[in-house]
Protein backbone atom coordinates (compact mmCIF):
# COMPACT_ATOMS: atom_id res chain seq x y z
CA MET A 1 109.48 31.21 105.93
CA LYS A 2 111.27 31.97 109.20
CA LYS A 3 114.30 33.17 107.24
CA ILE A 4 112.17 35.53 105.16
CA SER A 5 110.48 36.95 108.25
CA LEU A 6 113.79 37.31 109.99
CA LEU A 7 115.27 39.04 106.93
CA PHE A 8 112.28 41.57 106.81
CA ALA A 9 112.63 42.24 110.52
CA PHE A 10 116.38 42.87 110.13
CA ILE A 11 115.78 45.22 107.17
CA ALA A 12 113.04 47.16 109.05
CA PHE A 13 115.25 47.44 112.09
CA SER A 14 118.23 48.67 110.17
CA LEU A 15 116.23 51.29 108.27
CA THR A 16 114.58 52.76 111.39
CA SER A 17 117.62 52.73 113.69
CA CYS A 18 119.67 55.16 111.61
CA SER A 19 118.66 58.41 113.29
CA SER A 20 120.95 61.25 114.28
CA ASP A 21 120.53 64.31 116.46
CA GLU A 22 122.77 66.37 114.22
CA PRO A 23 121.15 68.49 111.43
CA GLY A 24 121.88 67.62 107.81
CA PRO A 25 123.76 69.81 105.42
CA GLN A 26 122.53 73.26 104.56
CA GLY A 27 120.54 73.42 101.30
CA PRO A 28 121.12 75.90 98.54
CA PRO A 29 119.78 79.39 99.12
CA GLY A 30 116.26 80.10 97.74
CA GLU A 31 115.03 82.90 95.66
CA PRO A 32 114.72 86.20 97.56
CA GLY A 33 111.16 86.89 98.81
CA ILE A 34 109.18 90.06 98.46
CA ASN A 35 109.23 92.39 101.46
CA ILE A 36 106.15 94.50 100.98
CA VAL A 37 105.12 97.19 103.43
CA GLY A 38 102.18 98.65 101.61
CA GLN A 39 99.86 101.22 103.10
CA THR A 40 96.24 102.00 102.32
CA PHE A 41 94.05 104.93 103.22
CA GLU A 42 90.81 106.34 101.80
CA PHE A 43 88.71 109.47 101.66
CA GLU A 44 84.94 109.52 101.41
CA ASP A 45 82.79 112.50 100.40
CA VAL A 46 85.44 114.19 98.30
CA ASP A 47 84.11 117.26 96.56
CA PHE A 48 85.84 118.93 93.57
CA GLN A 49 85.96 122.67 92.95
CA TYR A 50 85.57 124.08 89.47
CA PHE A 51 88.25 126.41 88.13
CA ALA A 52 86.75 128.36 85.16
CA ASP A 53 90.05 129.91 84.13
CA GLY A 54 91.46 126.46 83.28
CA ASN A 55 88.19 124.61 82.71
CA PHE A 56 89.02 121.83 85.23
CA TYR A 57 87.93 120.53 88.64
CA ALA A 58 90.46 119.91 91.40
CA THR A 59 90.71 119.04 95.05
CA VAL A 60 93.60 118.34 97.39
CA VAL A 61 93.58 115.70 100.10
CA ASP A 62 96.09 115.64 102.82
CA ILE A 63 97.96 112.39 103.40
CA PRO A 64 97.33 111.19 107.01
CA ALA A 65 100.24 111.80 109.35
CA GLU A 66 100.67 108.10 110.08
CA ILE A 67 101.21 107.32 106.35
CA GLU A 68 104.85 107.77 105.25
CA ILE A 69 105.49 108.11 101.56
CA LEU A 70 109.05 107.70 100.51
CA GLU A 71 110.39 109.32 97.34
CA SER A 72 110.83 105.88 95.73
CA ASP A 73 107.23 104.66 96.62
CA ALA A 74 104.48 104.35 94.03
CA VAL A 75 101.07 105.80 94.86
CA LEU A 76 98.10 104.14 93.26
CA VAL A 77 94.72 105.84 93.27
CA TYR A 78 91.38 104.15 92.79
CA ARG A 79 87.90 105.69 92.43
CA ARG A 80 84.87 103.87 93.72
CA GLU A 81 81.83 103.41 91.60
CA VAL A 82 78.65 101.56 92.51
CA ILE A 83 77.16 99.81 89.51
CA ASN A 84 73.96 97.80 90.02
CA ASP A 85 74.56 97.76 93.81
CA THR A 86 78.08 96.39 93.28
CA GLU A 87 81.10 98.29 94.51
CA THR A 88 83.81 98.56 91.80
CA TRP A 89 87.19 100.28 91.86
CA SER A 90 88.71 101.97 88.82
CA MET A 91 92.34 102.93 88.77
CA ILE A 92 93.19 106.51 87.93
CA PRO A 93 93.82 107.82 85.36
CA GLN A 94 90.36 106.93 84.19
CA ASN A 95 88.51 108.21 81.11
CA TYR A 96 84.78 108.66 80.74
CA PHE A 97 83.20 109.10 77.35
CA LEU A 98 80.09 111.30 77.73
CA GLU A 99 77.71 112.78 75.20
CA GLU A 100 79.29 116.21 75.75
CA GLY A 101 82.84 114.86 75.30
CA ILE A 102 85.56 113.14 77.32
CA ILE A 103 86.59 113.63 80.92
CA GLN A 104 89.54 112.13 82.70
CA TYR A 105 90.36 111.77 86.36
CA VAL A 106 94.11 112.27 87.02
CA PHE A 107 96.30 112.94 90.05
CA ASN A 108 99.64 114.06 91.23
CA HIS A 109 101.17 113.84 94.68
CA THR A 110 103.86 115.04 97.08
CA ALA A 111 104.90 113.42 100.32
CA ASP A 112 102.21 115.49 102.07
CA ASP A 113 99.18 115.63 99.80
CA ILE A 114 97.46 114.30 96.70
CA GLU A 115 95.85 116.59 94.11
CA LEU A 116 92.92 114.97 92.26
CA LEU A 117 91.89 116.60 88.95
CA ILE A 118 89.08 116.21 86.43
CA ASP A 119 90.07 117.38 82.96
CA GLY A 120 87.96 117.37 79.82
CA ASN A 121 87.52 118.50 76.26
CA PHE A 122 84.27 120.47 76.72
CA ASP A 123 82.85 123.10 79.09
CA LEU A 124 83.19 121.28 82.43
CA SER A 125 81.01 123.78 84.24
CA THR A 126 78.14 121.66 82.88
CA LEU A 127 79.56 118.39 84.26
CA ASP A 128 77.04 116.35 86.24
CA VAL A 129 77.65 116.52 90.03
CA ALA A 130 77.74 112.71 90.08
CA PHE A 131 81.30 113.06 88.85
CA THR A 132 82.34 115.97 91.10
CA GLN A 133 80.64 115.63 94.49
CA ASP A 134 80.66 112.97 97.25
CA GLN A 135 83.35 110.93 95.52
CA PHE A 136 85.15 108.03 97.29
CA PHE A 137 88.86 107.41 96.65
CA ARG A 138 91.20 104.78 97.96
CA PHE A 139 94.97 105.28 97.91
CA VAL A 140 97.53 102.43 98.01
CA VAL A 141 101.22 103.26 98.64
CA VAL A 142 103.56 100.43 97.63
CA PRO A 143 107.36 100.21 97.32
CA SER A 144 108.26 100.99 93.71
CA ASP A 145 110.11 97.61 93.43
CA PHE A 146 106.81 95.90 94.08
CA ALA A 147 104.99 97.95 91.49
CA VAL A 148 107.66 97.28 88.84
CA ASP A 149 109.09 93.82 89.59
CA THR A 150 106.23 91.62 90.74
CA GLY A 151 104.25 91.53 87.54
CA ILE A 152 101.04 92.39 89.50
CA ASP A 153 98.33 94.15 87.45
CA VAL A 154 98.32 97.39 89.42
CA SER A 155 95.18 98.49 87.58
CA ASN A 156 93.35 95.62 89.39
CA TYR A 157 92.69 96.84 92.95
CA GLU A 158 91.85 93.30 94.21
CA ALA A 159 95.13 91.87 92.77
CA VAL A 160 97.18 94.63 94.51
CA MET A 161 95.49 94.15 97.85
CA GLN A 162 95.84 90.35 97.66
CA ALA A 163 99.57 90.72 96.88
CA ILE A 164 100.31 93.03 99.82
CA ASP A 165 98.27 91.10 102.43
């Protein structure tokens, strides 16, 4: 029994006494990570103006000075809706099928501003103000590599925000 105890003590000592202050060999390089510098800003109480000559609504919002949009960046636009006291976000372009016909929110942008438009296939001068006044929009600017390469569903606002946090 003494020999077995002595053998276990020797094994335990030899396994624990093999330490070194030198680092081990460098491992293989890992996959490159995602460097995301996304920016978000929003505008409340956005009112659209009706243009009878083209039968559309439009408004222009200026991009805040502290937001820099590069030519390669992707701009994502979300419109807020409150349904049954729950805030939801719909990515633009967004279609609405109404009794009168179809409307669609669309946008275009420069490095300085974003033009929001409402287009439709009926006389939009009769469009309910719930679609044209006091609107709330959120804008997310992400590097285009992120928008293309990550596989994130950019139409899902929560998924985009979770990915860039």
